[in-house]
């Protein structure tokens, strides 16, 4: 099925849609800008890129969708872990996108919403991460930070 036909089906009725401030956002995986548009949709394109925080809180995980495994969705995603500072992670991410011949319009998008949020979550931007510990309620993790002016000691 073509990407355009899939977009016509998914654009108005998806479980990932959020409508706020007269704009429509999307929380789907592999949507770097979190916008509900054909260009940034992570479900319909053959090759997509996504950024997630690492499970242990150190670095990021880049999720690449391969073109070869379209009929086998379980094997079509490749996860690459990057453990660097913010600038090095962005450089590595741009390098992965360009060398694997992903779409050119995605090359500069890691500077935007989801990549930045995952960097902030992991403490790679403007924070010093001390460690990660389990949440008190047993669901999820808590990133422990060094105390600096204006920052709390723990963030959910």
N, C-alpha and C. Protein backbone atom coordinates (compact mmCIF):
# COMPACT_ATOMS: atom_id res chain seq x y z
N UNK A 1 0.85 -1.16 0.00
CA UNK A 1 0.00 0.00 0.00
C UNK A 1 0.90 1.24 0.00
N UNK A 2 0.57 2.23 -0.78
CA UNK A 2 1.41 3.41 -0.89
C UNK A 2 1.32 4.27 0.36
N UNK A 3 2.33 5.11 0.53
CA UNK A 3 2.37 5.99 1.69
C UNK A 3 1.23 7.01 1.65
N UNK A 4 0.87 7.46 0.45
CA UNK A 4 -0.21 8.45 0.33
C UNK A 4 -1.55 7.85 0.72
N UNK A 5 -1.80 6.63 0.33
CA UNK A 5 -3.05 5.98 0.71
C UNK A 5 -3.11 5.74 2.22
N UNK A 6 -1.99 5.31 2.78
CA UNK A 6 -1.94 5.13 4.23
C UNK A 6 -2.16 6.45 4.96
N UNK A 7 -1.62 7.54 4.43
CA UNK A 7 -1.80 8.85 5.05
C UNK A 7 -3.27 9.27 5.01
N UNK A 8 -3.95 9.00 3.91
CA UNK A 8 -5.37 9.36 3.82
C UNK A 8 -6.19 8.60 4.87
N UNK A 9 -5.78 7.40 5.21
CA UNK A 9 -6.50 6.61 6.21
C UNK A 9 -6.16 7.08 7.62
N UNK A 10 -4.89 7.36 7.87
CA UNK A 10 -4.40 7.61 9.23
C UNK A 10 -4.52 9.06 9.67
N UNK A 11 -4.60 10.01 8.77
CA UNK A 11 -4.42 11.41 9.14
C UNK A 11 -5.44 11.96 10.11
N UNK A 12 -6.69 11.52 10.07
CA UNK A 12 -7.70 12.06 10.97
C UNK A 12 -8.16 11.08 12.04
N UNK A 13 -7.83 9.82 11.90
CA UNK A 13 -8.30 8.84 12.89
C UNK A 13 -7.14 7.93 13.30
N UNK A 14 -6.35 8.42 14.23
CA UNK A 14 -5.24 7.66 14.76
C UNK A 14 -5.26 7.77 16.28
N UNK A 15 -4.85 6.72 16.95
CA UNK A 15 -4.84 6.76 18.41
C UNK A 15 -3.71 7.63 18.96
N UNK A 16 -2.81 8.07 18.10
CA UNK A 16 -1.68 8.89 18.53
C UNK A 16 -1.95 10.39 18.46
N UNK A 17 -3.12 10.81 18.01
CA UNK A 17 -3.39 12.23 17.78
C UNK A 17 -3.69 12.97 19.08
N UNK A 18 -3.15 14.19 19.17
CA UNK A 18 -3.45 15.11 20.26
C UNK A 18 -3.81 16.45 19.63
N UNK A 19 -4.94 17.00 20.02
CA UNK A 19 -5.36 18.29 19.48
C UNK A 19 -5.30 19.32 20.59
N UNK A 20 -4.38 20.28 20.45
CA UNK A 20 -4.19 21.32 21.44
C UNK A 20 -3.88 22.64 20.75
N UNK A 21 -4.43 23.72 21.27
CA UNK A 21 -4.16 25.07 20.77
C UNK A 21 -4.37 25.18 19.26
N UNK A 22 -5.45 24.62 18.78
CA UNK A 22 -5.81 24.67 17.36
C UNK A 22 -4.76 24.02 16.46
N UNK A 23 -3.95 23.13 17.00
CA UNK A 23 -2.98 22.39 16.21
C UNK A 23 -3.12 20.91 16.54
N UNK A 24 -2.72 20.07 15.60
CA UNK A 24 -2.79 18.63 15.80
C UNK A 24 -1.38 18.07 15.92
N UNK A 25 -1.11 17.41 17.03
CA UNK A 25 0.17 16.79 17.28
C UNK A 25 0.01 15.27 17.25
N UNK A 26 1.13 14.58 17.13
CA UNK A 26 1.10 13.13 17.09
C UNK A 26 2.16 12.57 18.03
N UNK A 27 1.80 11.54 18.79
CA UNK A 27 2.74 10.92 19.72
C UNK A 27 3.26 9.59 19.20
N UNK A 28 3.14 9.36 17.91
CA UNK A 28 3.55 8.08 17.34
C UNK A 28 5.07 7.91 17.40
N UNK A 29 5.55 6.68 17.40
CA UNK A 29 6.99 6.47 17.37
C UNK A 29 7.57 6.88 16.02
N UNK A 30 8.83 7.28 16.03
CA UNK A 30 9.57 7.69 14.83
C UNK A 30 9.02 8.95 14.19
N UNK A 31 8.38 9.80 14.95
CA UNK A 31 7.94 11.11 14.47
C UNK A 31 8.77 12.14 15.23
N UNK A 32 9.83 12.65 14.60
CA UNK A 32 10.79 13.49 15.29
C UNK A 32 10.23 14.84 15.72
N UNK A 33 9.30 15.39 14.99
CA UNK A 33 8.77 16.71 15.32
C UNK A 33 7.45 16.66 16.06
N UNK A 34 6.86 15.49 16.21
CA UNK A 34 5.58 15.32 16.90
C UNK A 34 4.47 16.10 16.22
N UNK A 35 4.56 16.30 14.93
CA UNK A 35 3.50 16.96 14.16
C UNK A 35 2.71 15.93 13.39
N UNK A 36 1.44 16.18 13.23
CA UNK A 36 0.60 15.28 12.44
C UNK A 36 0.64 15.76 11.00
N UNK A 37 1.64 15.33 10.25
CA UNK A 37 1.76 15.70 8.85
C UNK A 37 2.33 14.51 8.08
N UNK A 38 2.12 14.53 6.79
CA UNK A 38 2.62 13.46 5.93
C UNK A 38 4.14 13.36 6.01
N UNK A 39 4.79 14.49 6.05
CA UNK A 39 6.24 14.53 6.02
C UNK A 39 6.87 13.87 7.25
N UNK A 40 6.32 14.10 8.42
CA UNK A 40 6.94 13.63 9.65
C UNK A 40 6.30 12.36 10.21
N UNK A 41 5.34 11.78 9.53
CA UNK A 41 4.66 10.60 10.04
C UNK A 41 5.63 9.42 10.10
N UNK A 42 5.65 8.72 11.22
CA UNK A 42 6.57 7.61 11.40
C UNK A 42 5.99 6.26 11.08
N UNK A 43 4.72 6.20 10.74
CA UNK A 43 4.08 4.91 10.47
C UNK A 43 4.03 4.56 8.99
N UNK A 44 3.95 5.55 8.13
CA UNK A 44 3.63 5.28 6.73
C UNK A 44 4.85 5.22 5.81
N UNK A 45 5.97 5.82 6.20
CA UNK A 45 7.13 5.85 5.31
C UNK A 45 7.95 4.58 5.43
N UNK A 46 8.68 4.28 4.37
CA UNK A 46 9.49 3.06 4.35
C UNK A 46 10.73 3.17 5.22
N UNK A 47 11.34 4.35 5.24
CA UNK A 47 12.53 4.56 6.06
C UNK A 47 12.25 5.71 7.02
N UNK A 48 12.29 5.43 8.31
CA UNK A 48 12.05 6.46 9.31
C UNK A 48 13.14 6.41 10.38
N UNK A 49 13.21 7.49 11.13
CA UNK A 49 14.19 7.62 12.21
C UNK A 49 13.45 8.06 13.46
N UNK A 50 13.77 7.45 14.59
CA UNK A 50 13.19 7.84 15.86
C UNK A 50 14.26 7.93 16.93
N UNK A 51 13.99 8.74 17.95
CA UNK A 51 14.93 8.92 19.05
C UNK A 51 14.20 8.65 20.35
N UNK A 52 14.81 7.82 21.21
CA UNK A 52 14.22 7.49 22.51
C UNK A 52 15.30 7.63 23.57
N UNK A 53 14.90 7.89 24.81
CA UNK A 53 15.90 7.86 25.88
C UNK A 53 16.34 6.42 26.16
N UNK A 54 17.58 6.26 26.54
CA UNK A 54 18.08 4.93 26.87
C UNK A 54 17.42 4.43 28.15
N UNK A 55 17.20 3.13 28.27
CA UNK A 55 16.50 2.60 29.45
C UNK A 55 17.22 2.85 30.77
N UNK A 56 18.55 2.88 30.75
CA UNK A 56 19.27 3.11 32.00
C UNK A 56 19.58 4.57 32.23
N UNK A 57 19.15 5.45 31.34
CA UNK A 57 19.34 6.88 31.52
C UNK A 57 20.67 7.41 31.04
N UNK A 58 21.46 6.60 30.37
CA UNK A 58 22.76 7.04 29.88
C UNK A 58 22.75 7.00 28.37
N UNK A 59 22.64 8.14 27.74
CA UNK A 59 22.65 8.23 26.30
C UNK A 59 21.26 8.15 25.70
N UNK A 60 21.22 7.92 24.40
CA UNK A 60 19.96 7.83 23.67
C UNK A 60 19.96 6.56 22.83
N UNK A 61 18.79 6.18 22.37
CA UNK A 61 18.63 5.04 21.47
C UNK A 61 18.01 5.57 20.18
N UNK A 62 18.68 5.34 19.06
CA UNK A 62 18.18 5.74 17.75
C UNK A 62 17.50 4.53 17.13
N UNK A 63 16.25 4.69 16.73
CA UNK A 63 15.48 3.61 16.12
C UNK A 63 15.39 3.89 14.63
N UNK A 64 15.96 3.01 13.82
CA UNK A 64 15.96 3.16 12.36
C UNK A 64 15.05 2.10 11.76
N UNK A 65 14.18 2.52 10.86
CA UNK A 65 13.32 1.58 10.17
C UNK A 65 13.95 1.27 8.82
N UNK A 66 14.23 -0.02 8.60
CA UNK A 66 14.87 -0.44 7.36
C UNK A 66 13.83 -0.57 6.25
N UNK A 67 14.26 -0.40 5.05
CA UNK A 67 13.37 -0.56 3.91
C UNK A 67 13.16 -2.03 3.58
N UNK A 68 14.16 -2.86 3.88
CA UNK A 68 14.13 -4.26 3.46
C UNK A 68 13.06 -5.08 4.16
N UNK A 69 12.74 -4.78 5.40
CA UNK A 69 11.84 -5.64 6.15
C UNK A 69 10.41 -5.16 6.19
N UNK A 70 9.88 -4.69 5.10
CA UNK A 70 8.52 -4.13 5.10
C UNK A 70 7.47 -5.18 5.39
N UNK A 71 7.70 -6.41 4.96
CA UNK A 71 6.69 -7.45 5.17
C UNK A 71 6.90 -8.20 6.48
N UNK A 72 7.98 -7.89 7.18
CA UNK A 72 8.24 -8.49 8.49
C UNK A 72 8.46 -7.37 9.50
N UNK A 73 7.40 -6.83 10.06
CA UNK A 73 7.54 -5.66 10.94
C UNK A 73 8.41 -5.90 12.17
N UNK A 74 8.47 -7.11 12.66
CA UNK A 74 9.27 -7.38 13.86
C UNK A 74 10.76 -7.21 13.60
N UNK A 75 11.19 -7.43 12.37
CA UNK A 75 12.62 -7.33 12.06
C UNK A 75 12.96 -6.06 11.29
N UNK A 76 12.01 -5.17 11.09
CA UNK A 76 12.28 -4.00 10.27
C UNK A 76 12.90 -2.84 11.04
N UNK A 77 12.99 -2.93 12.37
CA UNK A 77 13.56 -1.85 13.17
C UNK A 77 14.93 -2.24 13.71
N UNK A 78 15.86 -1.29 13.64
CA UNK A 78 17.20 -1.47 14.17
C UNK A 78 17.40 -0.41 15.25
N UNK A 79 17.91 -0.81 16.40
CA UNK A 79 18.16 0.13 17.50
C UNK A 79 19.67 0.31 17.67
N UNK A 80 20.09 1.58 17.67
CA UNK A 80 21.50 1.93 17.84
C UNK A 80 21.61 2.81 19.07
N UNK A 81 22.48 2.43 20.00
CA UNK A 81 22.64 3.21 21.23
C UNK A 81 23.81 4.16 21.08
N UNK A 82 23.62 5.42 21.48
CA UNK A 82 24.67 6.43 21.42
C UNK A 82 24.91 6.94 22.83
N UNK A 83 26.15 6.83 23.30
CA UNK A 83 26.51 7.33 24.63
C UNK A 83 27.55 8.42 24.46
N UNK A 84 27.10 9.62 24.24
CA UNK A 84 28.00 10.77 24.12
C UNK A 84 27.33 11.97 24.74
N UNK A 85 28.03 13.10 24.71
CA UNK A 85 27.40 14.32 25.17
C UNK A 85 26.41 14.80 24.11
N UNK A 86 25.73 15.89 24.37
CA UNK A 86 24.65 16.33 23.48
C UNK A 86 25.15 16.64 22.07
N UNK A 87 26.23 17.37 21.96
CA UNK A 87 26.74 17.76 20.65
C UNK A 87 27.22 16.53 19.87
N UNK A 88 27.93 15.64 20.53
CA UNK A 88 28.40 14.42 19.87
C UNK A 88 27.26 13.51 19.47
N UNK A 89 26.21 13.45 20.29
CA UNK A 89 25.05 12.62 19.95
C UNK A 89 24.34 13.15 18.73
N UNK A 90 24.15 14.47 18.66
CA UNK A 90 23.51 15.06 17.48
C UNK A 90 24.35 14.82 16.23
N UNK A 91 25.67 14.95 16.35
CA UNK A 91 26.55 14.72 15.21
C UNK A 91 26.46 13.26 14.76
N UNK A 92 26.46 12.33 15.71
CA UNK A 92 26.35 10.91 15.36
C UNK A 92 25.01 10.60 14.71
N UNK A 93 23.96 11.24 15.21
CA UNK A 93 22.63 11.02 14.66
C UNK A 93 22.54 11.53 13.23
N UNK A 94 23.08 12.72 12.97
CA UNK A 94 23.10 13.24 11.60
C UNK A 94 23.93 12.35 10.69
N UNK A 95 25.04 11.83 11.20
CA UNK A 95 25.90 10.94 10.42
C UNK A 95 25.16 9.64 10.08
N UNK A 96 24.44 9.06 11.04
CA UNK A 96 23.65 7.85 10.77
C UNK A 96 22.61 8.10 9.68
N UNK A 97 21.94 9.24 9.76
CA UNK A 97 20.88 9.55 8.80
C UNK A 97 21.45 9.74 7.41
N UNK A 98 22.56 10.47 7.30
CA UNK A 98 23.10 10.77 5.97
C UNK A 98 23.81 9.56 5.36
N UNK A 99 24.58 8.81 6.13
CA UNK A 99 25.32 7.69 5.57
C UNK A 99 24.44 6.50 5.21
N UNK A 100 23.32 6.34 5.89
CA UNK A 100 22.39 5.26 5.56
C UNK A 100 21.36 5.69 4.52
N UNK A 101 21.54 6.87 3.96
CA UNK A 101 20.71 7.41 2.88
C UNK A 101 19.24 7.50 3.25
N UNK A 102 18.99 8.05 4.44
CA UNK A 102 17.61 8.35 4.81
C UNK A 102 17.23 9.67 4.17
N UNK A 103 16.00 10.07 4.35
CA UNK A 103 15.53 11.28 3.69
C UNK A 103 16.33 12.50 4.15
N UNK A 104 16.63 13.39 3.21
CA UNK A 104 17.42 14.57 3.54
C UNK A 104 16.69 15.52 4.48
N UNK A 105 15.37 15.54 4.41
CA UNK A 105 14.63 16.45 5.27
C UNK A 105 14.71 16.04 6.74
N UNK A 106 15.11 14.81 7.03
CA UNK A 106 15.24 14.36 8.41
C UNK A 106 16.61 14.67 9.01
N UNK A 107 17.54 15.12 8.19
CA UNK A 107 18.91 15.29 8.65
C UNK A 107 19.03 16.33 9.76
N UNK A 108 18.31 17.44 9.65
CA UNK A 108 18.41 18.48 10.66
C UNK A 108 17.33 18.39 11.72
N UNK A 109 16.40 17.47 11.59
CA UNK A 109 15.30 17.39 12.55
C UNK A 109 15.69 16.90 13.93
N UNK A 110 16.78 16.18 14.12
CA UNK A 110 17.13 15.80 15.49
C UNK A 110 17.33 16.98 16.41
N UNK A 111 17.56 18.17 15.87
CA UNK A 111 17.68 19.35 16.72
C UNK A 111 16.34 19.73 17.32
N UNK A 112 15.28 19.12 16.87
CA UNK A 112 13.95 19.55 17.27
C UNK A 112 13.41 18.72 18.42
N UNK A 113 12.11 18.69 18.53
CA UNK A 113 11.36 18.32 19.72
C UNK A 113 11.76 17.01 20.39
N UNK A 114 11.56 15.88 19.75
CA UNK A 114 11.74 14.61 20.44
C UNK A 114 13.19 14.35 20.80
N UNK A 115 14.11 14.69 19.91
CA UNK A 115 15.52 14.48 20.22
C UNK A 115 15.94 15.35 21.39
N UNK A 116 15.54 16.61 21.37
CA UNK A 116 15.89 17.51 22.47
C UNK A 116 15.29 17.03 23.79
N UNK A 117 14.03 16.58 23.74
CA UNK A 117 13.39 16.11 24.97
C UNK A 117 14.09 14.88 25.52
N UNK A 118 14.50 13.96 24.65
CA UNK A 118 15.18 12.77 25.16
C UNK A 118 16.56 13.14 25.69
N UNK A 119 17.23 14.14 25.09
CA UNK A 119 18.51 14.58 25.63
C UNK A 119 18.31 15.21 27.01
N UNK A 120 17.26 16.02 27.15
CA UNK A 120 17.00 16.64 28.45
C UNK A 120 16.62 15.59 29.48
N UNK A 121 15.84 14.60 29.05
CA UNK A 121 15.43 13.54 29.96
C UNK A 121 16.65 12.78 30.48
N UNK A 122 17.61 12.56 29.61
CA UNK A 122 18.81 11.83 30.01
C UNK A 122 19.85 12.71 30.68
N UNK A 123 19.59 14.00 30.76
CA UNK A 123 20.54 14.88 31.41
C UNK A 123 21.73 15.24 30.55
N UNK A 124 21.61 15.12 29.24
CA UNK A 124 22.73 15.46 28.37
C UNK A 124 22.79 16.95 28.07
N UNK A 125 21.70 17.67 28.31
CA UNK A 125 21.69 19.11 28.05
C UNK A 125 21.40 19.84 29.35
N UNK A 126 22.29 20.71 29.77
CA UNK A 126 22.11 21.63 30.90
C UNK A 126 21.93 20.93 32.24
N UNK A 127 22.25 19.67 32.36
CA UNK A 127 22.13 19.00 33.64
C UNK A 127 23.26 17.99 33.79
N UNK A 128 23.60 17.70 35.00
CA UNK A 128 24.58 16.65 35.28
C UNK A 128 23.83 15.47 35.89
N UNK A 129 23.84 14.35 35.21
CA UNK A 129 23.14 13.17 35.70
C UNK A 129 24.04 12.39 36.65
N UNK A 130 23.51 12.06 37.80
CA UNK A 130 24.25 11.25 38.76
C UNK A 130 23.92 9.78 38.56
N UNK A 131 22.64 9.45 38.41
CA UNK A 131 22.27 8.06 38.23
C UNK A 131 20.78 7.90 38.02
N UNK A 132 20.37 6.66 37.92
CA UNK A 132 18.97 6.33 37.70
C UNK A 132 18.56 5.34 38.77
N UNK A 133 17.38 5.54 39.34
CA UNK A 133 16.87 4.60 40.33
C UNK A 133 15.40 4.33 40.05
N UNK A 134 14.86 3.21 40.52
CA UNK A 134 13.46 2.91 40.26
C UNK A 134 12.54 3.91 40.95
N UNK A 135 11.40 4.16 40.34
CA UNK A 135 10.42 5.09 40.91
C UNK A 135 9.83 4.50 42.19
N UNK A 136 9.38 5.35 43.13
CA UNK A 136 8.84 4.85 44.39
C UNK A 136 7.61 3.96 44.23
N UNK A 137 6.79 4.23 43.21
CA UNK A 137 5.59 3.42 43.01
C UNK A 137 5.88 2.14 42.23
N UNK A 138 7.13 1.94 41.81
CA UNK A 138 7.50 0.73 41.09
C UNK A 138 7.25 0.80 39.60
N UNK A 139 6.76 1.95 39.11
CA UNK A 139 6.49 2.10 37.68
C UNK A 139 7.44 3.14 37.11
N UNK A 140 8.33 2.72 36.25
CA UNK A 140 9.23 3.65 35.60
C UNK A 140 10.52 3.87 36.38
N UNK A 141 11.23 4.94 35.98
CA UNK A 141 12.50 5.25 36.59
C UNK A 141 12.53 6.72 36.99
N UNK A 142 13.47 7.07 37.85
CA UNK A 142 13.69 8.44 38.28
C UNK A 142 15.14 8.78 37.99
N UNK A 143 15.38 9.89 37.29
CA UNK A 143 16.73 10.34 36.99
C UNK A 143 17.19 11.23 38.13
N UNK A 144 18.29 10.87 38.77
CA UNK A 144 18.82 11.62 39.90
C UNK A 144 19.85 12.60 39.37
N UNK A 145 19.70 13.87 39.73
CA UNK A 145 20.56 14.93 39.22
C UNK A 145 21.38 15.54 40.34
N UNK A 146 22.51 16.15 39.95
CA UNK A 146 23.26 16.95 40.90
C UNK A 146 22.48 18.24 41.13
N UNK A 147 22.52 18.74 42.35
CA UNK A 147 21.79 19.97 42.64
C UNK A 147 22.55 21.15 42.04
N UNK A 148 21.83 21.95 41.28
CA UNK A 148 22.33 23.21 40.75
C UNK A 148 21.25 24.24 40.97
N UNK A 149 21.54 25.46 40.72
CA UNK A 149 20.57 26.53 40.94
C UNK A 149 19.36 26.31 40.05
N UNK A 150 18.19 26.23 40.65
CA UNK A 150 16.95 26.11 39.89
C UNK A 150 16.56 24.70 39.52
N UNK A 151 17.34 23.70 39.89
CA UNK A 151 17.02 22.32 39.54
C UNK A 151 16.69 21.53 40.79
N UNK A 152 15.70 20.69 40.69
CA UNK A 152 15.38 19.82 41.81
C UNK A 152 16.32 18.63 41.81
N UNK A 153 16.35 17.89 42.91
CA UNK A 153 17.27 16.77 43.01
C UNK A 153 16.80 15.56 42.24
N UNK A 154 15.49 15.43 42.03
CA UNK A 154 14.96 14.29 41.28
C UNK A 154 13.93 14.78 40.29
N UNK A 155 13.91 14.15 39.13
CA UNK A 155 12.88 14.46 38.14
C UNK A 155 12.23 13.17 37.71
N UNK A 156 10.92 13.16 37.51
CA UNK A 156 10.26 11.92 37.08
C UNK A 156 10.52 11.62 35.63
